[in-house]
């Protein structure tokens, strides 16, 4: 196992190794709907953000999101492989990027509309 430089990296490496033997950690850090986001990915990070509803498939934004301690106990039915979790997080990240891009384009359109009108 390679040496990791963050709590999250080490946690993920241990999970992957255990998965090869059919073991899964029933902890919040292994929930399919959680992932460390932004500053929480720093070396000493010990929290994960719930970024989606597994029941409805609804994505959550960062504001108002639910946070869990990395090592908090989690129900087995919310746990998945590290690869599954990463895939869901990547789709969420793409969704966030798209939402932000659309919001920026709308603000630009509004600004142009406001400032492009002929002066009287």
PDB file of N, CA and C in Angstrom:
ATOM      1  N   UNK A   1       0.851  -1.168   0.000  1.00  0.00           N
ATOM      2  CA  UNK A   1       0.000   0.000   0.000  1.00  0.00           C
ATOM      3  C   UNK A   1       0.900   1.235   0.000  1.00  0.00           C
ATOM      4  N   UNK A   2       0.611   2.185  -0.880  1.00  0.00           N
ATOM      5  CA  UNK A   2       1.443   3.387  -0.934  1.00  0.00           C
ATOM      6  C   UNK A   2       1.136   4.303   0.247  1.00  0.00           C
ATOM      7  N   UNK A   3       2.116   5.146   0.568  1.00  0.00           N
ATOM      8  CA  UNK A   3       1.947   6.065   1.694  1.00  0.00           C
ATOM      9  C   UNK A   3       1.033   7.218   1.278  1.00  0.00           C
ATOM     10  N   UNK A   4       0.047   7.508   2.107  1.00  0.00           N
ATOM     11  CA  UNK A   4      -0.894   8.588   1.837  1.00  0.00           C
ATOM     12  C   UNK A   4      -0.542   9.807   2.664  1.00  0.00           C
ATOM     13  N   UNK A   5      -0.911  10.991   2.168  1.00  0.00           N
ATOM     14  CA  UNK A   5      -0.572  12.238   2.847  1.00  0.00           C
ATOM     15  C   UNK A   5      -1.774  12.888   3.526  1.00  0.00           C
ATOM     16  N   UNK A   6      -2.924  12.243   3.487  1.00  0.00           N
ATOM     17  CA  UNK A   6      -4.105  12.805   4.138  1.00  0.00           C
ATOM     18  C   UNK A   6      -4.884  11.685   4.815  1.00  0.00           C
ATOM     19  N   UNK A   7      -5.716  12.075   5.770  1.00  0.00           N
ATOM     20  CA  UNK A   7      -6.572  11.098   6.445  1.00  0.00           C
ATOM     21  C   UNK A   7      -7.473  10.434   5.418  1.00  0.00           C
ATOM     22  N   UNK A   8      -8.074  11.262   4.520  1.00  0.00           N
ATOM     23  CA  UNK A   8      -8.967  10.716   3.496  1.00  0.00           C
ATOM     24  C   UNK A   8      -8.231   9.726   2.596  1.00  0.00           C
ATOM     25  N   UNK A   9      -7.037  10.085   2.139  1.00  0.00           N
ATOM     26  CA  UNK A   9      -6.267   9.201   1.266  1.00  0.00           C
ATOM     27  C   UNK A   9      -5.957   7.872   1.933  1.00  0.00           C
ATOM     28  N   UNK A  10      -5.574   7.920   3.201  1.00  0.00           N
ATOM     29  CA  UNK A  10      -5.279   6.693   3.941  1.00  0.00           C
ATOM     30  C   UNK A  10      -6.548   5.868   4.137  1.00  0.00           C
ATOM     31  N   UNK A  11      -7.644   6.538   4.489  1.00  0.00           N
ATOM     32  CA  UNK A  11      -8.927   5.859   4.681  1.00  0.00           C
ATOM     33  C   UNK A  11      -9.345   5.140   3.398  1.00  0.00           C
ATOM     34  N   UNK A  12      -9.228   5.838   2.273  1.00  0.00           N
ATOM     35  CA  UNK A  12      -9.618   5.253   0.988  1.00  0.00           C
ATOM     36  C   UNK A  12      -8.710   4.068   0.633  1.00  0.00           C
ATOM     37  N   UNK A  13      -7.420   4.206   0.873  1.00  0.00           N
ATOM     38  CA  UNK A  13      -6.483   3.109   0.566  1.00  0.00           C
ATOM     39  C   UNK A  13      -6.800   1.865   1.392  1.00  0.00           C
ATOM     40  N   UNK A  14      -7.129   2.057   2.655  1.00  0.00           N
ATOM     41  CA  UNK A  14      -7.495   0.919   3.511  1.00  0.00           C
ATOM     42  C   UNK A  14      -8.782   0.281   2.999  1.00  0.00           C
ATOM     43  N   UNK A  15      -9.749   1.123   2.623  1.00  0.00           N
ATOM     44  CA  UNK A  15     -11.014   0.587   2.095  1.00  0.00           C
ATOM     45  C   UNK A  15     -10.774  -0.276   0.865  1.00  0.00           C
ATOM     46  N   UNK A  16      -9.995   0.241  -0.062  1.00  0.00           N
ATOM     47  CA  UNK A  16      -9.739  -0.498  -1.310  1.00  0.00           C
ATOM     48  C   UNK A  16      -9.084  -1.841  -1.004  1.00  0.00           C
ATOM     49  N   UNK A  17      -8.122  -1.840  -0.098  1.00  0.00           N
ATOM     50  CA  UNK A  17      -7.453  -3.090   0.278  1.00  0.00           C
ATOM     51  C   UNK A  17      -8.451  -4.068   0.897  1.00  0.00           C
ATOM     52  N   UNK A  18      -9.307  -3.580   1.806  1.00  0.00           N
ATOM     53  CA  UNK A  18     -10.300  -4.448   2.436  1.00  0.00           C
ATOM     54  C   UNK A  18     -11.327  -4.966   1.425  1.00  0.00           C
ATOM     55  N   UNK A  19     -11.703  -4.125   0.466  1.00  0.00           N
ATOM     56  CA  UNK A  19     -12.677  -4.533  -0.563  1.00  0.00           C
ATOM     57  C   UNK A  19     -12.185  -5.740  -1.346  1.00  0.00           C
ATOM     58  N   UNK A  20     -10.876  -5.811  -1.565  1.00  0.00           N
ATOM     59  CA  UNK A  20     -10.302  -6.962  -2.282  1.00  0.00           C
ATOM     60  C   UNK A  20     -10.547  -8.272  -1.543  1.00  0.00           C
ATOM     61  N   UNK A  21     -10.809  -8.175  -0.242  1.00  0.00           N
ATOM     62  CA  UNK A  21     -11.058  -9.363   0.585  1.00  0.00           C
ATOM     63  C   UNK A  21     -12.527  -9.493   0.979  1.00  0.00           C
ATOM     64  N   UNK A  22     -13.390  -8.650   0.365  1.00  0.00           N
ATOM     65  CA  UNK A  22     -14.818  -8.736   0.629  1.00  0.00           C
ATOM     66  C   UNK A  22     -15.283  -8.027   1.896  1.00  0.00           C
ATOM     67  N   UNK A  23     -14.434  -7.171   2.449  1.00  0.00           N
ATOM     68  CA  UNK A  23     -14.781  -6.438   3.675  1.00  0.00           C
ATOM     69  C   UNK A  23     -15.143  -4.994   3.331  1.00  0.00           C
ATOM     70  N   UNK A  24     -16.138  -4.474   4.042  1.00  0.00           N
ATOM     71  CA  UNK A  24     -16.562  -3.082   3.852  1.00  0.00           C
ATOM     72  C   UNK A  24     -16.698  -2.415   5.209  1.00  0.00           C
ATOM     73  N   UNK A  25     -16.235  -1.178   5.311  1.00  0.00           N
ATOM     74  CA  UNK A  25     -16.332  -0.421   6.562  1.00  0.00           C
ATOM     75  C   UNK A  25     -17.684   0.278   6.624  1.00  0.00           C
ATOM     76  N   UNK A  26     -18.444   0.040   7.674  1.00  0.00           N
ATOM     77  CA  UNK A  26     -19.758   0.675   7.831  1.00  0.00           C
ATOM     78  C   UNK A  26     -19.580   2.014   8.554  1.00  0.00           C
ATOM     79  N   UNK A  27     -18.895   2.925   7.862  1.00  0.00           N
ATOM     80  CA  UNK A  27     -18.584   4.243   8.400  1.00  0.00           C
ATOM     81  C   UNK A  27     -19.033   5.317   7.419  1.00  0.00           C
ATOM     82  N   UNK A  28     -19.290   6.512   7.928  1.00  0.00           N
ATOM     83  CA  UNK A  28     -19.778   7.611   7.081  1.00  0.00           C
ATOM     84  C   UNK A  28     -18.843   7.887   5.906  1.00  0.00           C
ATOM     85  N   UNK A  29     -17.561   7.722   6.095  1.00  0.00           N
ATOM     86  CA  UNK A  29     -16.608   7.944   5.014  1.00  0.00           C
ATOM     87  C   UNK A  29     -16.736   6.963   3.865  1.00  0.00           C
ATOM     88  N   UNK A  30     -17.496   5.893   4.054  1.00  0.00           N
ATOM     89  CA  UNK A  30     -17.709   4.898   3.003  1.00  0.00           C
ATOM     90  C   UNK A  30     -19.120   4.950   2.428  1.00  0.00           C
ATOM     91  N   UNK A  31     -19.915   5.940   2.891  1.00  0.00           N
ATOM     92  CA  UNK A  31     -21.282   6.081   2.364  1.00  0.00           C
ATOM     93  C   UNK A  31     -21.224   6.505   0.906  1.00  0.00           C
ATOM     94  N   UNK A  32     -22.113   5.937   0.095  1.00  0.00           N
ATOM     95  CA  UNK A  32     -22.171   6.289  -1.329  1.00  0.00           C
ATOM     96  C   UNK A  32     -22.629   7.721  -1.561  1.00  0.00           C
ATOM     97  N   UNK A  33     -23.303   8.305  -0.576  1.00  0.00           N
ATOM     98  CA  UNK A  33     -23.829   9.660  -0.745  1.00  0.00           C
ATOM     99  C   UNK A  33     -22.972  10.720  -0.058  1.00  0.00           C
ATOM    100  N   UNK A  34     -21.765  10.355   0.360  1.00  0.00           N
ATOM    101  CA  UNK A  34     -20.888  11.295   1.066  1.00  0.00           C
ATOM    102  C   UNK A  34     -19.496  11.320   0.436  1.00  0.00           C
ATOM    103  N   UNK A  35     -18.839  12.473   0.586  1.00  0.00           N
ATOM    104  CA  UNK A  35     -17.476  12.623   0.071  1.00  0.00           C
ATOM    105  C   UNK A  35     -16.869  13.863   0.700  1.00  0.00           C
ATOM    106  N   UNK A  36     -15.540  13.887   0.926  1.00  0.00           N
ATOM    107  CA  UNK A  36     -14.933  15.125   1.422  1.00  0.00           C
ATOM    108  C   UNK A  36     -14.926  16.152   0.295  1.00  0.00           C
ATOM    109  N   UNK A  37     -15.341  17.366   0.594  1.00  0.00           N
ATOM    110  CA  UNK A  37     -15.486  18.395  -0.437  1.00  0.00           C
ATOM    111  C   UNK A  37     -14.671  19.619  -0.042  1.00  0.00           C
ATOM    112  N   UNK A  38     -13.982  20.210  -1.012  1.00  0.00           N
ATOM    113  CA  UNK A  38     -13.258  21.457  -0.791  1.00  0.00           C
ATOM    114  C   UNK A  38     -12.202  21.338   0.284  1.00  0.00           C
ATOM    115  N   UNK A  39     -12.214  22.277   1.233  1.00  0.00           N
ATOM    116  CA  UNK A  39     -11.216  22.334   2.289  1.00  0.00           C
ATOM    117  C   UNK A  39     -11.199  21.047   3.106  1.00  0.00           C
ATOM    118  N   UNK A  40     -12.304  20.330   3.120  1.00  0.00           N
ATOM    119  CA  UNK A  40     -12.371  19.096   3.887  1.00  0.00           C
ATOM    120  C   UNK A  40     -11.462  18.007   3.329  1.00  0.00           C
ATOM    121  N   UNK A  41     -10.889  18.229   2.141  1.00  0.00           N
ATOM    122  CA  UNK A  41      -9.958  17.247   1.578  1.00  0.00           C
ATOM    123  C   UNK A  41      -8.525  17.513   2.023  1.00  0.00           C
ATOM    124  N   UNK A  42      -8.328  18.497   2.906  1.00  0.00           N
ATOM    125  CA  UNK A  42      -6.991  18.825   3.387  1.00  0.00           C
ATOM    126  C   UNK A  42      -6.426  17.661   4.205  1.00  0.00           C
ATOM    127  N   UNK A  43      -5.112  17.675   4.468  1.00  0.00           N
ATOM    128  CA  UNK A  43      -4.479  16.532   5.130  1.00  0.00           C
ATOM    129  C   UNK A  43      -5.130  16.069   6.431  1.00  0.00           C
ATOM    130  N   UNK A  44      -5.622  16.966   7.275  1.00  0.00           N
ATOM    131  CA  UNK A  44      -6.187  16.564   8.550  1.00  0.00           C
ATOM    132  C   UNK A  44      -7.690  16.377   8.542  1.00  0.00           C
ATOM    133  N   UNK A  45      -8.305  16.367   7.379  1.00  0.00           N
ATOM    134  CA  UNK A  45      -9.753  16.292   7.229  1.00  0.00           C
ATOM    135  C   UNK A  45     -10.324  15.056   7.904  1.00  0.00           C
ATOM    136  N   UNK A  46     -11.427  15.264   8.629  1.00  0.00           N
ATOM    137  CA  UNK A  46     -12.120  14.120   9.232  1.00  0.00           C
ATOM    138  C   UNK A  46     -13.631  14.249   9.086  1.00  0.00           C
ATOM    139  N   UNK A  47     -14.099  14.940   8.036  1.00  0.00           N
ATOM    140  CA  UNK A  47     -15.538  15.107   7.805  1.00  0.00           C
ATOM    141  C   UNK A  47     -15.866  14.847   6.339  1.00  0.00           C
ATOM    142  N   UNK A  48     -17.086  14.387   6.103  1.00  0.00           N
ATOM    143  CA  UNK A  48     -17.566  14.174   4.745  1.00  0.00           C
ATOM    144  C   UNK A  48     -18.924  14.851   4.601  1.00  0.00           C
ATOM    145  N   UNK A  49     -19.229  15.313   3.383  1.00  0.00           N
ATOM    146  CA  UNK A  49     -20.483  15.988   3.111  1.00  0.00           C
ATOM    147  C   UNK A  49     -21.429  15.043   2.375  1.00  0.00           C
ATOM    148  N   UNK A  50     -22.688  15.035   2.790  1.00  0.00           N
ATOM    149  CA  UNK A  50     -23.705  14.267   2.059  1.00  0.00           C
ATOM    150  C   UNK A  50     -24.088  15.100   0.841  1.00  0.00           C
ATOM    151  N   UNK A  51     -23.776  14.611  -0.349  1.00  0.00           N
ATOM    152  CA  UNK A  51     -23.977  15.391  -1.563  1.00  0.00           C
ATOM    153  C   UNK A  51     -25.180  14.947  -2.394  1.00  0.00           C
ATOM    154  N   UNK A  52     -25.838  13.865  -1.994  1.00  0.00           N
ATOM    155  CA  UNK A  52     -26.993  13.405  -2.759  1.00  0.00           C
ATOM    156  C   UNK A  52     -27.917  12.560  -1.898  1.00  0.00           C
ATOM    157  N   UNK A  53     -29.149  12.404  -2.363  1.00  0.00           N
ATOM    158  CA  UNK A  53     -30.102  11.502  -1.720  1.00  0.00           C
ATOM    159  C   UNK A  53     -30.076  10.188  -2.475  1.00  0.00           C
ATOM    160  N   UNK A  54     -29.745   9.110  -1.791  1.00  0.00           N
ATOM    161  CA  UNK A  54     -29.754   7.799  -2.450  1.00  0.00           C
ATOM    162  C   UNK A  54     -31.178   7.353  -2.741  1.00  0.00           C
ATOM    163  N   UNK A  55     -32.138   7.881  -1.973  1.00  0.00           N
ATOM    164  CA  UNK A  55     -33.541   7.499  -2.169  1.00  0.00           C
ATOM    165  C   UNK A  55     -34.116   8.109  -3.451  1.00  0.00           C
ATOM    166  N   UNK A  56     -33.857   9.397  -3.660  1.00  0.00           N
ATOM    167  CA  UNK A  56     -34.467  10.099  -4.795  1.00  0.00           C
ATOM    168  C   UNK A  56     -33.487  10.408  -5.923  1.00  0.00           C
ATOM    169  N   UNK A  57     -32.184  10.312  -5.640  1.00  0.00           N
ATOM    170  CA  UNK A  57     -31.184  10.676  -6.640  1.00  0.00           C
ATOM    171  C   UNK A  57     -30.971  12.176  -6.732  1.00  0.00           C
ATOM    172  N   UNK A  58     -31.628  12.954  -5.851  1.00  0.00           N
ATOM    173  CA  UNK A  58     -31.512  14.416  -5.870  1.00  0.00           C
ATOM    174  C   UNK A  58     -30.110  14.833  -5.413  1.00  0.00           C
ATOM    175  N   UNK A  59     -29.522  15.799  -6.143  1.00  0.00           N
ATOM    176  CA  UNK A  59     -28.216  16.349  -5.768  1.00  0.00           C
ATOM    177  C   UNK A  59     -28.423  17.469  -4.766  1.00  0.00           C
ATOM    178  N   UNK A  60     -27.475  17.613  -3.826  1.00  0.00           N
ATOM    179  CA  UNK A  60     -27.510  18.710  -2.867  1.00  0.00           C
ATOM    180  C   UNK A  60     -26.369  19.676  -3.174  1.00  0.00           C
ATOM    181  N   UNK A  61     -26.626  20.969  -3.003  1.00  0.00           N
ATOM    182  CA  UNK A  61     -25.557  21.951  -3.107  1.00  0.00           C
ATOM    183  C   UNK A  61     -24.770  21.987  -1.808  1.00  0.00           C
ATOM    184  N   UNK A  62     -23.683  22.715  -1.794  1.00  0.00           N
ATOM    185  CA  UNK A  62     -22.829  22.775  -0.611  1.00  0.00           C
ATOM    186  C   UNK A  62     -23.530  23.485   0.540  1.00  0.00           C
ATOM    187  N   UNK A  63     -24.286  24.550   0.236  1.00  0.00           N
ATOM    188  CA  UNK A  63     -24.975  25.281   1.293  1.00  0.00           C
ATOM    189  C   UNK A  63     -26.143  24.450   1.806  1.00  0.00           C
ATOM    190  N   UNK A  64     -26.206  24.269   3.102  1.00  0.00           N
ATOM    191  CA  UNK A  64     -27.283  23.498   3.701  1.00  0.00           C
ATOM    192  C   UNK A  64     -27.056  21.994   3.663  1.00  0.00           C
ATOM    193  N   UNK A  65     -25.885  21.572   3.239  1.00  0.00           N
ATOM    194  CA  UNK A  65     -25.592  20.142   3.167  1.00  0.00           C
ATOM    195  C   UNK A  65     -25.401  19.566   4.571  1.00  0.00           C
ATOM    196  N   UNK A  66     -25.589  18.282   4.661  1.00  0.00           N
ATOM    197  CA  UNK A  66     -25.416  17.565   5.922  1.00  0.00           C
ATOM    198  C   UNK A  66     -23.983  17.026   5.989  1.00  0.00           C
ATOM    199  N   UNK A  67     -23.345  17.168   7.135  1.00  0.00           N
ATOM    200  CA  UNK A  67     -21.966  16.718   7.319  1.00  0.00           C
ATOM    201  C   UNK A  67     -21.908  15.599   8.354  1.00  0.00           C
ATOM    202  N   UNK A  68     -20.959  14.681   8.168  1.00  0.00           N
ATOM    203  CA  UNK A  68     -20.747  13.570   9.085  1.00  0.00           C
ATOM    204  C   UNK A  68     -19.267  13.450   9.390  1.00  0.00           C
ATOM    205  N   UNK A  69     -18.968  12.932  10.569  1.00  0.00           N
ATOM    206  CA  UNK A  69     -17.583  12.593  10.876  1.00  0.00           C
ATOM    207  C   UNK A  69     -17.166  11.398  10.039  1.00  0.00           C
ATOM    208  N   UNK A  70     -15.966  11.403   9.559  1.00  0.00           N
ATOM    209  CA  UNK A  70     -15.454  10.334   8.697  1.00  0.00           C
ATOM    210  C   UNK A  70     -15.652   8.949   9.312  1.00  0.00           C
ATOM    211  N   UNK A  71     -15.464   8.851  10.620  1.00  0.00           N
ATOM    212  CA  UNK A  71     -15.528   7.554  11.284  1.00  0.00           C
ATOM    213  C   UNK A  71     -16.844   7.306  12.022  1.00  0.00           C
ATOM    214  N   UNK A  72     -17.863   8.108  11.748  1.00  0.00           N
ATOM    215  CA  UNK A  72     -19.186   7.850  12.347  1.00  0.00           C
ATOM    216  C   UNK A  72     -19.761   6.562  11.772  1.00  0.00           C
ATOM    217  N   UNK A  73     -20.477   5.836  12.596  1.00  0.00           N
ATOM    218  CA  UNK A  73     -21.119   4.602  12.149  1.00  0.00           C
ATOM    219  C   UNK A  73     -22.168   4.928  11.089  1.00  0.00           C
ATOM    220  N   UNK A  74     -22.296   4.062  10.095  1.00  0.00           N
ATOM    221  CA  UNK A  74     -23.267   4.270   9.013  1.00  0.00           C
ATOM    222  C   UNK A  74     -23.994   2.962   8.717  1.00  0.00           C
ATOM    223  N   UNK A  75     -25.262   3.051   8.284  1.00  0.00           N
ATOM    224  CA  UNK A  75     -26.010   1.837   7.930  1.00  0.00           C
ATOM    225  C   UNK A  75     -25.359   1.110   6.752  1.00  0.00           C
ATOM    226  N   UNK A  76     -25.342  -0.194   6.814  1.00  0.00           N
ATOM    227  CA  UNK A  76     -24.711  -1.023   5.770  1.00  0.00           C
ATOM    228  C   UNK A  76     -25.302  -0.756   4.382  1.00  0.00           C
ATOM    229  N   UNK A  77     -26.607  -0.476   4.313  1.00  0.00           N
ATOM    230  CA  UNK A  77     -27.222  -0.289   2.996  1.00  0.00           C
ATOM    231  C   UNK A  77     -26.805   1.025   2.329  1.00  0.00           C
ATOM    232  N   UNK A  78     -26.083   1.901   3.021  1.00  0.00           N
ATOM    233  CA  UNK A  78     -25.600   3.147   2.426  1.00  0.00           C
ATOM    234  C   UNK A  78     -24.139   3.054   1.998  1.00  0.00           C
ATOM    235  N   UNK A  79     -23.519   1.911   2.251  1.00  0.00           N
ATOM    236  CA  UNK A  79     -22.093   1.719   1.998  1.00  0.00           C
ATOM    237  C   UNK A  79     -21.880   1.112   0.610  1.00  0.00           C
ATOM    238  N   UNK A  80     -20.824   1.548  -0.048  1.00  0.00           N
ATOM    239  CA  UNK A  80     -20.462   0.979  -1.343  1.00  0.00           C
ATOM    240  C   UNK A  80     -18.959   0.914  -1.479  1.00  0.00           C
ATOM    241  N   UNK A  81     -18.497   0.564  -2.642  1.00  0.00           N
ATOM    242  CA  UNK A  81     -17.054   0.509  -2.873  1.00  0.00           C
ATOM    243  C   UNK A  81     -16.509   1.923  -3.038  1.00  0.00           C
ATOM    244  N   UNK A  82     -15.207   2.047  -2.892  1.00  0.00           N
ATOM    245  CA  UNK A  82     -14.554   3.342  -3.085  1.00  0.00           C
ATOM    246  C   UNK A  82     -14.761   3.824  -4.525  1.00  0.00           C
ATOM    247  N   UNK A  83     -14.733   2.912  -5.486  1.00  0.00           N
ATOM    248  CA  UNK A  83     -14.928   3.285  -6.890  1.00  0.00           C
ATOM    249  C   UNK A  83     -16.356   3.784  -7.145  1.00  0.00           C
ATOM    250  N   UNK A  84     -17.345   3.117  -6.559  1.00  0.00           N
ATOM    251  CA  UNK A  84     -18.736   3.559  -6.709  1.00  0.00           C
ATOM    252  C   UNK A  84     -18.925   4.953  -6.107  1.00  0.00           C
ATOM    253  N   UNK A  85     -18.350   5.149  -4.936  1.00  0.00           N
ATOM    254  CA  UNK A  85     -18.460   6.437  -4.256  1.00  0.00           C
ATOM    255  C   UNK A  85     -17.801   7.539  -5.095  1.00  0.00           C
ATOM    256  N   UNK A  86     -16.622   7.279  -5.609  1.00  0.00           N
ATOM    257  CA  UNK A  86     -15.899   8.249  -6.440  1.00  0.00           C
ATOM    258  C   UNK A  86     -16.702   8.595  -7.690  1.00  0.00           C
ATOM    259  N   UNK A  87     -17.316   7.593  -8.306  1.00  0.00           N
ATOM    260  CA  UNK A  87     -18.119   7.812  -9.508  1.00  0.00           C
ATOM    261  C   UNK A  87     -19.319   8.717  -9.221  1.00  0.00           C
ATOM    262  N   UNK A  88     -20.009   8.454  -8.127  1.00  0.00           N
ATOM    263  CA  UNK A  88     -21.157   9.297  -7.760  1.00  0.00           C
ATOM    264  C   UNK A  88     -20.707  10.717  -7.458  1.00  0.00           C
ATOM    265  N   UNK A  89     -19.582  10.843  -6.749  1.00  0.00           N
ATOM    266  CA  UNK A  89     -19.063  12.174  -6.446  1.00  0.00           C
ATOM    267  C   UNK A  89     -18.691  12.915  -7.730  1.00  0.00           C
ATOM    268  N   UNK A  90     -18.043  12.240  -8.678  1.00  0.00           N
ATOM    269  CA  UNK A  90     -17.648  12.892  -9.938  1.00  0.00           C
ATOM    270  C   UNK A  90     -18.871  13.401 -10.693  1.00  0.00           C
ATOM    271  N   UNK A  91     -19.946  12.614 -10.718  1.00  0.00           N
ATOM    272  CA  UNK A  91     -21.181  13.063 -11.378  1.00  0.00           C
ATOM    273  C   UNK A  91     -21.749  14.290 -10.671  1.00  0.00           C
ATOM    274  N   UNK A  92     -21.705  14.300  -9.333  1.00  0.00           N
ATOM    275  CA  UNK A  92     -22.169  15.462  -8.566  1.00  0.00           C
ATOM    276  C   UNK A  92     -21.310  16.684  -8.882  1.00  0.00           C
ATOM    277  N   UNK A  93     -19.998  16.491  -8.927  1.00  0.00           N
ATOM    278  CA  UNK A  93     -19.075  17.594  -9.208  1.00  0.00           C
ATOM    279  C   UNK A  93     -19.342  18.183 -10.595  1.00  0.00           C
ATOM    280  N   UNK A  94     -19.611  17.327 -11.580  1.00  0.00           N
ATOM    281  CA  UNK A  94     -19.955  17.805 -12.927  1.00  0.00           C
ATOM    282  C   UNK A  94     -21.269  18.578 -12.899  1.00  0.00           C
ATOM    283  N   UNK A  95     -22.246  18.080 -12.123  1.00  0.00           N
ATOM    284  CA  UNK A  95     -23.522  18.783 -11.988  1.00  0.00           C
ATOM    285  C   UNK A  95     -23.299  20.163 -11.395  1.00  0.00           C
ATOM    286  N   UNK A  96     -22.501  20.261 -10.319  1.00  0.00           N
ATOM    287  CA  UNK A  96     -22.214  21.558  -9.686  1.00  0.00           C
ATOM    288  C   UNK A  96     -21.556  22.504 -10.677  1.00  0.00           C
ATOM    289  N   UNK A  97     -20.591  22.001 -11.431  1.00  0.00           N
ATOM    290  CA  UNK A  97     -19.901  22.820 -12.421  1.00  0.00           C
ATOM    291  C   UNK A  97     -20.895  23.346 -13.446  1.00  0.00           C
ATOM    292  N   UNK A  98     -21.811  22.495 -13.898  1.00  0.00           N
ATOM    293  CA  UNK A  98     -22.818  22.900 -14.865  1.00  0.00           C
ATOM    294  C   UNK A  98     -23.753  23.957 -14.279  1.00  0.00           C
ATOM    295  N   UNK A  99     -24.186  23.766 -13.033  1.00  0.00           N
ATOM    296  CA  UNK A  99     -25.064  24.730 -12.374  1.00  0.00           C
ATOM    297  C   UNK A  99     -24.362  26.080 -12.263  1.00  0.00           C
ATOM    298  N   UNK A 100     -23.105  26.067 -11.835  1.00  0.00           N
ATOM    299  CA  UNK A 100     -22.347  27.315 -11.698  1.00  0.00           C
ATOM    300  C   UNK A 100     -22.129  27.986 -13.048  1.00  0.00           C
ATOM    301  N   UNK A 101     -21.834  27.192 -14.076  1.00  0.00           N
ATOM    302  CA  UNK A 101     -21.617  27.740 -15.413  1.00  0.00           C
ATOM    303  C   UNK A 101     -22.899  28.398 -15.923  1.00  0.00           C
ATOM    304  N   UNK A 102     -24.044  27.723 -15.745  1.00  0.00           N
ATOM    305  CA  UNK A 102     -25.310  28.304 -16.192  1.00  0.00           C
ATOM    306  C   UNK A 102     -25.636  29.586 -15.422  1.00  0.00           C
ATOM    307  N   UNK A 103     -25.356  29.601 -14.117  1.00  0.00           N
ATOM    308  CA  UNK A 103     -25.611  30.805 -13.315  1.00  0.00           C
ATOM    309  C   UNK A 103     -24.718  31.948 -13.771  1.00  0.00           C
ATOM    310  N   UNK A 104     -23.454  31.662 -14.062  1.00  0.00           N
ATOM    311  CA  UNK A 104     -22.529  32.702 -14.534  1.00  0.00           C
ATOM    312  C   UNK A 104     -22.967  33.244 -15.889  1.00  0.00           C
ATOM    313  N   UNK A 105     -23.399  32.355 -16.783  1.00  0.00           N
ATOM    314  CA  UNK A 105     -23.873  32.807 -18.095  1.00  0.00           C
ATOM    315  C   UNK A 105     -25.121  33.671 -17.966  1.00  0.00           C
ATOM    316  N   UNK A 106     -26.017  33.318 -17.044  1.00  0.00           N
ATOM    317  CA  UNK A 106     -27.222  34.108 -16.829  1.00  0.00           C
ATOM    318  C   UNK A 106     -26.861  35.480 -16.265  1.00  0.00           C
ATOM    319  N   UNK A 107     -25.930  35.529 -15.308  1.00  0.00           N
ATOM    320  CA  UNK A 107     -25.498  36.839 -14.776  1.00  0.00           C
ATOM    321  C   UNK A 107     -24.861  37.676 -15.876  1.00  0.00           C
ATOM    322  N   UNK A 108     -24.077  37.057 -16.735  1.00  0.00           N
ATOM    323  CA  UNK A 108     -23.448  37.779 -17.849  1.00  0.00           C
ATOM    324  C   UNK A 108     -24.508  38.305 -18.795  1.00  0.00           C
ATOM    325  N   UNK A 109     -25.504  37.474 -19.125  1.00  0.00           N
ATOM    326  CA  UNK A 109     -26.577  37.901 -20.018  1.00  0.00           C
ATOM    327  C   UNK A 109     -27.307  39.101 -19.432  1.00  0.00           C
ATOM    328  N   UNK A 110     -27.618  39.050 -18.135  1.00  0.00           N
ATOM    329  CA  UNK A 110     -28.313  40.150 -17.477  1.00  0.00           C
ATOM    330  C   UNK A 110     -27.472  41.422 -17.485  1.00  0.00           C
ATOM    331  N   UNK A 111     -26.173  41.267 -17.233  1.00  0.00           N
ATOM    332  CA  UNK A 111     -25.287  42.430 -17.232  1.00  0.00           C
ATOM    333  C   UNK A 111     -25.237  43.052 -18.622  1.00  0.00           C
ATOM    334  N   UNK A 112     -25.077  42.208 -19.639  1.00  0.00           N
ATOM    335  CA  UNK A 112     -25.017  42.719 -21.010  1.00  0.00           C
ATOM    336  C   UNK A 112     -26.325  43.403 -21.396  1.00  0.00           C
ATOM    337  N   UNK A 113     -27.411  42.793 -21.009  1.00  0.00           N
ATOM    338  CA  UNK A 113     -28.720  43.398 -21.307  1.00  0.00           C
ATOM    339  C   UNK A 113     -28.841  44.760 -20.668  1.00  0.00           C
ATOM    340  N   UNK A 114     -28.422  44.860 -19.444  1.00  0.00           N
ATOM    341  CA  UNK A 114     -28.524  46.124 -18.705  1.00  0.00           C
ATOM    342  C   UNK A 114     -27.590  47.196 -19.271  1.00  0.00           C
ATOM    343  N   UNK A 115     -26.394  46.801 -19.674  1.00  0.00           N
ATOM    344  CA  UNK A 115     -25.379  47.754 -20.116  1.00  0.00           C
ATOM    345  C   UNK A 115     -25.316  47.939 -21.614  1.00  0.00           C
ATOM    346  N   UNK A 116     -26.069  47.201 -22.374  1.00  0.00           N
ATOM    347  CA  UNK A 116     -26.048  47.322 -23.836  1.00  0.00           C
ATOM    348  C   UNK A 116     -27.159  48.182 -24.379  1.00  0.00           C
ATOM    349  N   UNK A 117     -28.040  48.603 -23.523  1.00  0.00           N
ATOM    350  CA  UNK A 117     -29.148  49.435 -23.985  1.00  0.00           C
ATOM    351  C   UNK A 117     -28.632  50.810 -24.392  1.00  0.00           C
ATOM    352  N   UNK A 118     -29.193  51.357 -25.480  1.00  0.00           N
ATOM    353  CA  UNK A 118     -28.772  52.709 -25.899  1.00  0.00           C
ATOM    354  C   UNK A 118     -29.066  53.732 -24.808  1.00  0.00           C
ATOM    355  N   UNK A 119     -28.127  54.618 -24.585  1.00  0.00           N
ATOM    356  CA  UNK A 119     -28.300  55.675 -23.599  1.00  0.00           C
ATOM    357  C   UNK A 119     -29.179  56.773 -24.187  1.00  0.00           C
ATOM    358  N   UNK A 120     -30.109  57.306 -23.410  1.00  0.00           N
ATOM    359  CA  UNK A 120     -30.985  58.397 -23.882  1.00  0.00           C
ATOM    360  C   UNK A 120     -30.524  59.707 -23.333  1.00  0.00           C
TER     361      UNK A 120
END
